Amino acid sequence: MNRCLRETLTFTQARVELLQEDAPDGSGKKLYMQGICIQGDKRNANERVYPTREINRAVNTINEQLTSGMSVLGEVDHPDDLKINLDRVSHMIEKMWMDGSDGYGKMRILPTPMGQLVKTMLDSGVKLGVSSRGSGNVDDRTGHVSDFEIVTVDVVAQPSAPNAYPTAVYEGLMNMKYGHRALEIAKEVGTDNKVQRYLKEEVKRLIKDLKI
């Protein structure tokens, strides 16, 4: 039976790199996260094994979508289904590729409210991981995945301890004292340096509460 599959990699596991590149139109610098999005041929924390051939095919499909002009958007944290929620979008995948048995991706942080929060967290030194979201069939006996398709790659908070589940950043924002305030500021940040500094202070408070 085809399942919704989510696989989380910490900042260290994903070997996340932060990149800044000049925009082609001269409008400033763009921020990227780049690293491993899904690991192949090894049993992961969910007791699943993704054969390299399955990941390679899924990566090729994503690149075909990008080449055809489609936008592959990702969110902060991830829901329980495969739908993309536009109010949670923080980045877009620009390309994916294979290196050995692992699928890598390059994701551009967008100037959306959630993207602004991700940028501010990264600027504040928060170690963010990634979580692939897709579908496939799982052999209940061996854990091997077949017919795998990647829908997107989401950004998640770094677990504070081995085997810990990542903190739900978006839900944390909605439920914490400073969360709503930070989200409202992020909607207005634009290029105003004063607002950007204020957002950074609000996010630092959020980070302290989230303990990440």
C-alpha atoms as a PDB file:
ATOM      1  CA  MET A   1       0.000   0.000   0.000  1.00  0.00           C
ATOM      2  CA  ASN A   2       1.292   3.460  -0.957  1.00  0.00           C
ATOM      3  CA  ARG A   3       2.211   5.463   2.163  1.00  0.00           C
ATOM      4  CA  CYS A   4       3.163   9.002   3.074  1.00  0.00           C
ATOM      5  CA  LEU A   5       6.853   8.728   4.019  1.00  0.00           C
ATOM      6  CA  ARG A   6       8.814  11.303   6.033  1.00  0.00           C
ATOM      7  CA  GLU A   7      12.487  10.919   6.854  1.00  0.00           C
ATOM      8  CA  THR A   8      14.303  13.441   9.056  1.00  0.00           C
ATOM      9  CA  LEU A   9      18.027  14.191   8.986  1.00  0.00           C
ATOM     10  CA  THR A  10      19.695  16.407  11.571  1.00  0.00           C
ATOM     11  CA  PHE A  11      21.966  19.318  10.640  1.00  0.00           C
ATOM     12  CA  THR A  12      24.968  17.022  11.086  1.00  0.00           C
ATOM     13  CA  GLN A  13      23.515  14.048   9.203  1.00  0.00           C
ATOM     14  CA  ALA A  14      22.421  16.235   6.301  1.00  0.00           C
ATOM     15  CA  ARG A  15      25.816  17.996   6.266  1.00  0.00           C
ATOM     16  CA  VAL A  16      23.927  21.228   5.747  1.00  0.00           C
ATOM     17  CA  GLU A  17      25.849  24.075   4.145  1.00  0.00           C
ATOM     18  CA  LEU A  18      24.625  27.667   4.152  1.00  0.00           C
ATOM     19  CA  LEU A  19      25.348  29.518   0.929  1.00  0.00           C
ATOM     20  CA  GLN A  20      24.918  33.139  -0.118  1.00  0.00           C
ATOM     21  CA  GLU A  21      24.919  34.020  -3.789  1.00  0.00           C
ATOM     22  CA  ASP A  22      24.378  37.295  -5.642  1.00  0.00           C
ATOM     23  CA  ALA A  23      21.009  37.535  -7.369  1.00  0.00           C
ATOM     24  CA  PRO A  24      21.382  37.658 -11.196  1.00  0.00           C
ATOM     25  CA  ASP A  25      19.313  40.864 -11.355  1.00  0.00           C
ATOM     26  CA  GLY A  26      21.539  42.629  -8.829  1.00  0.00           C
ATOM     27  CA  SER A  27      18.791  42.797  -6.211  1.00  0.00           C
ATOM     28  CA  GLY A  28      21.027  41.494  -3.418  1.00  0.00           C
ATOM     29  CA  LYS A  29      22.126  38.148  -2.030  1.00  0.00           C
ATOM     30  CA  LYS A  30      20.094  34.958  -1.890  1.00  0.00           C
ATOM     31  CA  LEU A  31      20.391  32.492   0.995  1.00  0.00           C
ATOM     32  CA  TYR A  32      20.504  28.753   0.364  1.00  0.00           C
ATOM     33  CA  MET A  33      20.587  25.548   2.395  1.00  0.00           C
ATOM     34  CA  GLN A  34      22.360  22.668   0.702  1.00  0.00           C
ATOM     35  CA  GLY A  35      23.000  19.105   1.829  1.00  0.00           C
ATOM     36  CA  ILE A  36      21.823  15.509   1.948  1.00  0.00           C
ATOM     37  CA  CYS A  37      18.044  15.227   1.724  1.00  0.00           C
ATOM     38  CA  ILE A  38      17.700  11.455   1.892  1.00  0.00           C
ATOM     39  CA  GLN A  39      20.146   8.610   2.494  1.00  0.00           C
ATOM     40  CA  GLY A  40      20.134   5.417   0.472  1.00  0.00           C
ATOM     41  CA  ASP A  41      20.972   1.791   1.176  1.00  0.00           C
ATOM     42  CA  LYS A  42      20.991   2.150   4.962  1.00  0.00           C
ATOM     43  CA  ARG A  43      18.377   1.397   7.591  1.00  0.00           C
ATOM     44  CA  ASN A  44      17.134   4.679   9.030  1.00  0.00           C
ATOM     45  CA  ALA A  45      15.509   5.627  12.334  1.00  0.00           C
ATOM     46  CA  ASN A  46      12.106   4.578  10.961  1.00  0.00           C
ATOM     47  CA  GLU A  47      13.501   1.110  10.138  1.00  0.00           C
ATOM     48  CA  ARG A  48      13.109   1.810   6.419  1.00  0.00           C
ATOM     49  CA  VAL A  49      15.684   1.240   3.676  1.00  0.00           C
ATOM     50  CA  TYR A  50      15.623   3.319   0.474  1.00  0.00           C
ATOM     51  CA  PRO A  51      17.522   1.547  -2.334  1.00  0.00           C
ATOM     52  CA  THR A  52      19.803   3.874  -4.298  1.00  0.00           C
ATOM     53  CA  ARG A  53      17.910   3.147  -7.518  1.00  0.00           C
ATOM     54  CA  GLU A  54      14.665   4.360  -5.905  1.00  0.00           C
ATOM     55  CA  ILE A  55      16.245   7.610  -4.699  1.00  0.00           C
ATOM     56  CA  ASN A  56      17.928   8.159  -8.075  1.00  0.00           C
ATOM     57  CA  ARG A  57      14.618   7.795  -9.898  1.00  0.00           C
ATOM     58  CA  ALA A  58      12.842  10.128  -7.453  1.00  0.00           C
ATOM     59  CA  VAL A  59      15.610  12.754  -7.800  1.00  0.00           C
ATOM     60  CA  ASN A  60      15.363  12.564 -11.594  1.00  0.00           C
ATOM     61  CA  THR A  61      11.608  13.115 -11.370  1.00  0.00           C
ATOM     62  CA  ILE A  62      12.095  16.237  -9.221  1.00  0.00           C
ATOM     63  CA  ASN A  63      14.631  17.618 -11.710  1.00  0.00           C
ATOM     64  CA  GLU A  64      12.268  16.927 -14.603  1.00  0.00           C
ATOM     65  CA  GLN A  65       9.596  18.936 -12.786  1.00  0.00           C
ATOM     66  CA  LEU A  66      12.021  21.807 -12.218  1.00  0.00           C
ATOM     67  CA  THR A  67      13.192  21.737 -15.850  1.00  0.00           C
ATOM     68  CA  SER A  68       9.580  21.904 -17.031  1.00  0.00           C
ATOM     69  CA  GLY A  69       9.080  25.130 -15.044  1.00  0.00           C
ATOM     70  CA  MET A  70       7.332  23.746 -11.972  1.00  0.00           C
ATOM     71  CA  SER A  71       8.092  25.169  -8.518  1.00  0.00           C
ATOM     72  CA  VAL A  72       8.848  22.617  -5.796  1.00  0.00           C
ATOM     73  CA  LEU A  73       8.069  24.369  -2.509  1.00  0.00           C
ATOM     74  CA  GLY A  74       8.972  23.258   1.008  1.00  0.00           C
ATOM     75  CA  GLU A  75       7.685  24.154   4.458  1.00  0.00           C
ATOM     76  CA  VAL A  76       8.863  24.761   7.979  1.00  0.00           C
ATOM     77  CA  ASP A  77       8.334  21.424   9.704  1.00  0.00           C
ATOM     78  CA  HIS A  78       5.899  19.160   7.854  1.00  0.00           C
ATOM     79  CA  PRO A  79       2.264  18.055   8.045  1.00  0.00           C
ATOM     80  CA  ASP A  80       0.978  14.488   8.138  1.00  0.00           C
ATOM     81  CA  ASP A  81       0.030  14.478   4.446  1.00  0.00           C
ATOM     82  CA  LEU A  82       1.562  15.369   1.085  1.00  0.00           C
ATOM     83  CA  LYS A  83      -0.223  18.700   0.568  1.00  0.00           C
ATOM     84  CA  ILE A  84       1.827  21.905   0.407  1.00  0.00           C
ATOM     85  CA  ASN A  85       0.437  24.597   2.740  1.00  0.00           C
ATOM     86  CA  LEU A  86       1.262  27.983   1.250  1.00  0.00           C
ATOM     87  CA  ASP A  87       1.111  29.775   4.624  1.00  0.00           C
ATOM     88  CA  ARG A  88       3.974  27.551   5.843  1.00  0.00           C
ATOM     89  CA  VAL A  89       6.236  27.745   2.774  1.00  0.00           C
ATOM     90  CA  SER A  90       9.778  28.865   3.601  1.00  0.00           C
ATOM     91  CA  HIS A  91      11.887  27.771   0.634  1.00  0.00           C
ATOM     92  CA  MET A  92      11.934  26.259  -2.820  1.00  0.00           C
ATOM     93  CA  ILE A  93      14.092  23.458  -4.184  1.00  0.00           C
ATOM     94  CA  GLU A  94      16.296  24.663  -7.031  1.00  0.00           C
ATOM     95  CA  LYS A  95      18.010  21.375  -7.864  1.00  0.00           C
ATOM     96  CA  MET A  96      18.683  17.860  -6.630  1.00  0.00           C
ATOM     97  CA  TRP A  97      21.443  15.409  -7.488  1.00  0.00           C
ATOM     98  CA  MET A  98      22.966  12.088  -6.474  1.00  0.00           C
ATOM     99  CA  ASP A  99      26.314  11.606  -4.754  1.00  0.00           C
ATOM    100  CA  GLY A 100      26.933   7.931  -4.185  1.00  0.00           C
ATOM    101  CA  SER A 101      23.819   6.471  -2.559  1.00  0.00           C
ATOM    102  CA  ASP A 102      22.540   9.801  -1.178  1.00  0.00           C
ATOM    103  CA  GLY A 103      20.181  12.360  -2.671  1.00  0.00           C
ATOM    104  CA  TYR A 104      21.306  15.982  -2.246  1.00  0.00           C
ATOM    105  CA  GLY A 105      19.349  19.179  -2.665  1.00  0.00           C
ATOM    106  CA  LYS A 106      19.855  22.938  -2.902  1.00  0.00           C
ATOM    107  CA  MET A 107      17.032  25.003  -1.383  1.00  0.00           C
ATOM    108  CA  ARG A 108      16.607  28.775  -1.679  1.00  0.00           C
ATOM    109  CA  ILE A 109      15.127  30.516   1.355  1.00  0.00           C
ATOM    110  CA  LEU A 110      12.190  32.667   0.236  1.00  0.00           C
ATOM    111  CA  PRO A 111      11.149  36.116   1.581  1.00  0.00           C
ATOM    112  CA  THR A 112       7.896  34.685   2.979  1.00  0.00           C
ATOM    113  CA  PRO A 113       7.034  35.078   6.686  1.00  0.00           C
ATOM    114  CA  MET A 114       8.241  31.540   7.425  1.00  0.00           C
ATOM    115  CA  GLY A 115      11.263  32.048   5.182  1.00  0.00           C
ATOM    116  CA  GLN A 116      12.162  35.209   7.101  1.00  0.00           C
ATOM    117  CA  LEU A 117      11.961  33.228  10.332  1.00  0.00           C
ATOM    118  CA  VAL A 118      14.200  30.490   8.920  1.00  0.00           C
ATOM    119  CA  LYS A 119      16.714  33.120   7.771  1.00  0.00           C
ATOM    120  CA  THR A 120      16.712  34.786  11.180  1.00  0.00           C
ATOM    121  CA  MET A 121      17.162  31.438  12.941  1.00  0.00           C
ATOM    122  CA  LEU A 122      20.094  30.602  10.666  1.00  0.00           C
ATOM    123  CA  ASP A 123      21.610  34.052  11.271  1.00  0.00           C
ATOM    124  CA  SER A 124      21.220  33.409  15.016  1.00  0.00           C
ATOM    125  CA  GLY A 125      23.144  30.141  14.804  1.00  0.00           C
ATOM    126  CA  VAL A 126      20.244  27.668  15.005  1.00  0.00           C
ATOM    127  CA  LYS A 127      21.170  24.308  13.491  1.00  0.00           C
ATOM    128  CA  LEU A 128      18.291  23.298  11.225  1.00  0.00           C
ATOM    129  CA  GLY A 129      17.874  19.874   9.676  1.00  0.00           C
ATOM    130  CA  VAL A 130      15.822  18.614   6.741  1.00  0.00           C
ATOM    131  CA  SER A 131      12.996  16.148   6.294  1.00  0.00           C
ATOM    132  CA  SER A 132      12.095  14.556   2.980  1.00  0.00           C
ATOM    133  CA  ARG A 133       8.385  14.062   2.325  1.00  0.00           C
ATOM    134  CA  GLY A 134       7.153  11.625  -0.284  1.00  0.00           C
ATOM    135  CA  SER A 135       5.226   8.463  -1.017  1.00  0.00           C
ATOM    136  CA  GLY A 136       6.060   4.835  -1.636  1.00  0.00           C
ATOM    137  CA  ASN A 137       5.432   1.230  -0.744  1.00  0.00           C
ATOM    138  CA  VAL A 138       7.154  -0.366   2.227  1.00  0.00           C
ATOM    139  CA  ASP A 139       7.832  -4.076   2.598  1.00  0.00           C
ATOM    140  CA  ASP A 140       6.695  -4.748   6.166  1.00  0.00           C
ATOM    141  CA  ARG A 141       9.096  -7.670   6.457  1.00  0.00           C
ATOM    142  CA  THR A 142      12.327  -6.062   5.221  1.00  0.00           C
ATOM    143  CA  GLY A 143      11.540  -2.343   5.456  1.00  0.00           C
ATOM    144  CA  HIS A 144      12.638  -1.795   1.841  1.00  0.00           C
ATOM    145  CA  VAL A 145      10.879   1.037   0.002  1.00  0.00           C
ATOM    146  CA  SER A 146       9.691   0.767  -3.608  1.00  0.00           C
ATOM    147  CA  ASP A 147       7.840   3.096  -6.018  1.00  0.00           C
ATOM    148  CA  PHE A 148       9.322   6.035  -4.124  1.00  0.00           C
ATOM    149  CA  GLU A 149       8.495   9.602  -5.115  1.00  0.00           C
ATOM    150  CA  ILE A 150       9.746  12.773  -3.435  1.00  0.00           C
ATOM    151  CA  VAL A 151       7.113  15.487  -3.038  1.00  0.00           C
ATOM    152  CA  THR A 152       9.345  18.013  -1.263  1.00  0.00           C
ATOM    153  CA  VAL A 153      12.019  18.534   1.368  1.00  0.00           C
ATOM    154  CA  ASP A 154      11.019  20.462   4.516  1.00  0.00           C
ATOM    155  CA  VAL A 155      13.135  22.376   7.032  1.00  0.00           C
ATOM    156  CA  VAL A 156      12.957  21.118  10.632  1.00  0.00           C
ATOM    157  CA  ALA A 157      14.493  22.091  13.947  1.00  0.00           C
ATOM    158  CA  GLN A 158      17.561  20.248  15.146  1.00  0.00           C
ATOM    159  CA  PRO A 159      16.688  17.587  17.732  1.00  0.00           C
ATOM    160  CA  SER A 160      18.261  18.451  21.087  1.00  0.00           C
ATOM    161  CA  ALA A 161      19.212  14.844  21.848  1.00  0.00           C
ATOM    162  CA  PRO A 162      19.915  11.622  19.907  1.00  0.00           C
ATOM    163  CA  ASN A 163      16.729   9.925  18.666  1.00  0.00           C
ATOM    164  CA  ALA A 164      14.601  12.923  19.699  1.00  0.00           C
ATOM    165  CA  TYR A 165      11.837  14.016  17.384  1.00  0.00           C
ATOM    166  CA  PRO A 166      12.365  17.480  15.894  1.00  0.00           C
ATOM    167  CA  THR A 167      10.509  20.319  17.586  1.00  0.00           C
ATOM    168  CA  ALA A 168       7.501  21.413  15.557  1.00  0.00           C
ATOM    169  CA  VAL A 169       8.609  24.957  14.728  1.00  0.00           C
ATOM    170  CA  TYR A 170       5.362  26.086  13.128  1.00  0.00           C
ATOM    171  CA  GLU A 171       3.166  24.663  15.886  1.00  0.00           C
ATOM    172  CA  GLY A 172       5.560  26.172  18.406  1.00  0.00           C
ATOM    173  CA  LEU A 173       5.062  29.569  16.826  1.00  0.00           C
ATOM    174  CA  MET A 174       1.320  29.231  17.073  1.00  0.00           C
ATOM    175  CA  ASN A 175       1.364  28.178  20.731  1.00  0.00           C
ATOM    176  CA  MET A 176       4.208  30.089  22.325  1.00  0.00           C
ATOM    177  CA  LYS A 177       4.287  33.483  23.984  1.00  0.00           C
ATOM    178  CA  TYR A 178       6.483  35.152  21.357  1.00  0.00           C
ATOM    179  CA  GLY A 179       5.456  33.049  18.366  1.00  0.00           C
ATOM    180  CA  HIS A 180       2.563  35.123  17.067  1.00  0.00           C
ATOM    181  CA  ARG A 181       4.548  38.324  17.507  1.00  0.00           C
ATOM    182  CA  ALA A 182       7.513  36.951  15.542  1.00  0.00           C
ATOM    183  CA  LEU A 183       5.246  35.771  12.746  1.00  0.00           C
ATOM    184  CA  GLU A 184       3.519  39.150  12.485  1.00  0.00           C
ATOM    185  CA  ILE A 185       6.864  40.960  12.329  1.00  0.00           C
ATOM    186  CA  ALA A 186       8.095  38.523   9.679  1.00  0.00           C
ATOM    187  CA  LYS A 187       5.171  39.526   7.454  1.00  0.00           C
ATOM    188  CA  GLU A 188       6.340  43.145   7.551  1.00  0.00           C
ATOM    189  CA  VAL A 189      10.116  42.787   7.590  1.00  0.00           C
ATOM    190  CA  GLY A 190      10.889  43.614   3.929  1.00  0.00           C
ATOM    191  CA  THR A 191      14.168  45.541   3.684  1.00  0.00           C
ATOM    192  CA  ASP A 192      13.646  47.636   6.821  1.00  0.00           C
ATOM    193  CA  ASN A 193      16.805  47.156   8.908  1.00  0.00           C
ATOM    194  CA  LYS A 194      15.089  48.276  12.106  1.00  0.00           C
ATOM    195  CA  VAL A 195      12.299  45.715  11.663  1.00  0.00           C
ATOM    196  CA  GLN A 196      14.853  43.027  10.794  1.00  0.00           C
ATOM    197  CA  ARG A 197      16.742  43.706  14.032  1.00  0.00           C
ATOM    198  CA  TYR A 198      13.522  43.566  16.021  1.00  0.00           C
ATOM    199  CA  LEU A 199      12.556  40.273  14.360  1.00  0.00           C
ATOM    200  CA  LYS A 200      15.938  38.840  15.315  1.00  0.00           C
ATOM    201  CA  GLU A 201      15.352  39.735  18.977  1.00  0.00           C
ATOM    202  CA  GLU A 202      11.875  38.165  18.924  1.00  0.00           C
ATOM    203  CA  VAL A 203      13.228  34.989  17.317  1.00  0.00           C
ATOM    204  CA  LYS A 204      15.979  34.788  19.949  1.00  0.00           C
ATOM    205  CA  ARG A 205      13.242  34.737  22.589  1.00  0.00           C
ATOM    206  CA  LEU A 206      11.441  32.023  20.628  1.00  0.00           C
ATOM    207  CA  ILE A 207      14.647  29.984  20.353  1.00  0.00           C
ATOM    208  CA  LYS A 208      15.147  30.244  24.104  1.00  0.00           C
ATOM    209  CA  ASP A 209      11.634  28.927  24.723  1.00  0.00           C
ATOM    210  CA  LEU A 210      11.977  26.171  22.128  1.00  0.00           C
ATOM    211  CA  LYS A 211      15.350  25.164  23.629  1.00  0.00           C
ATOM    212  CA  ILE A 212      16.937  24.571  20.191  1.00  0.00           C
END
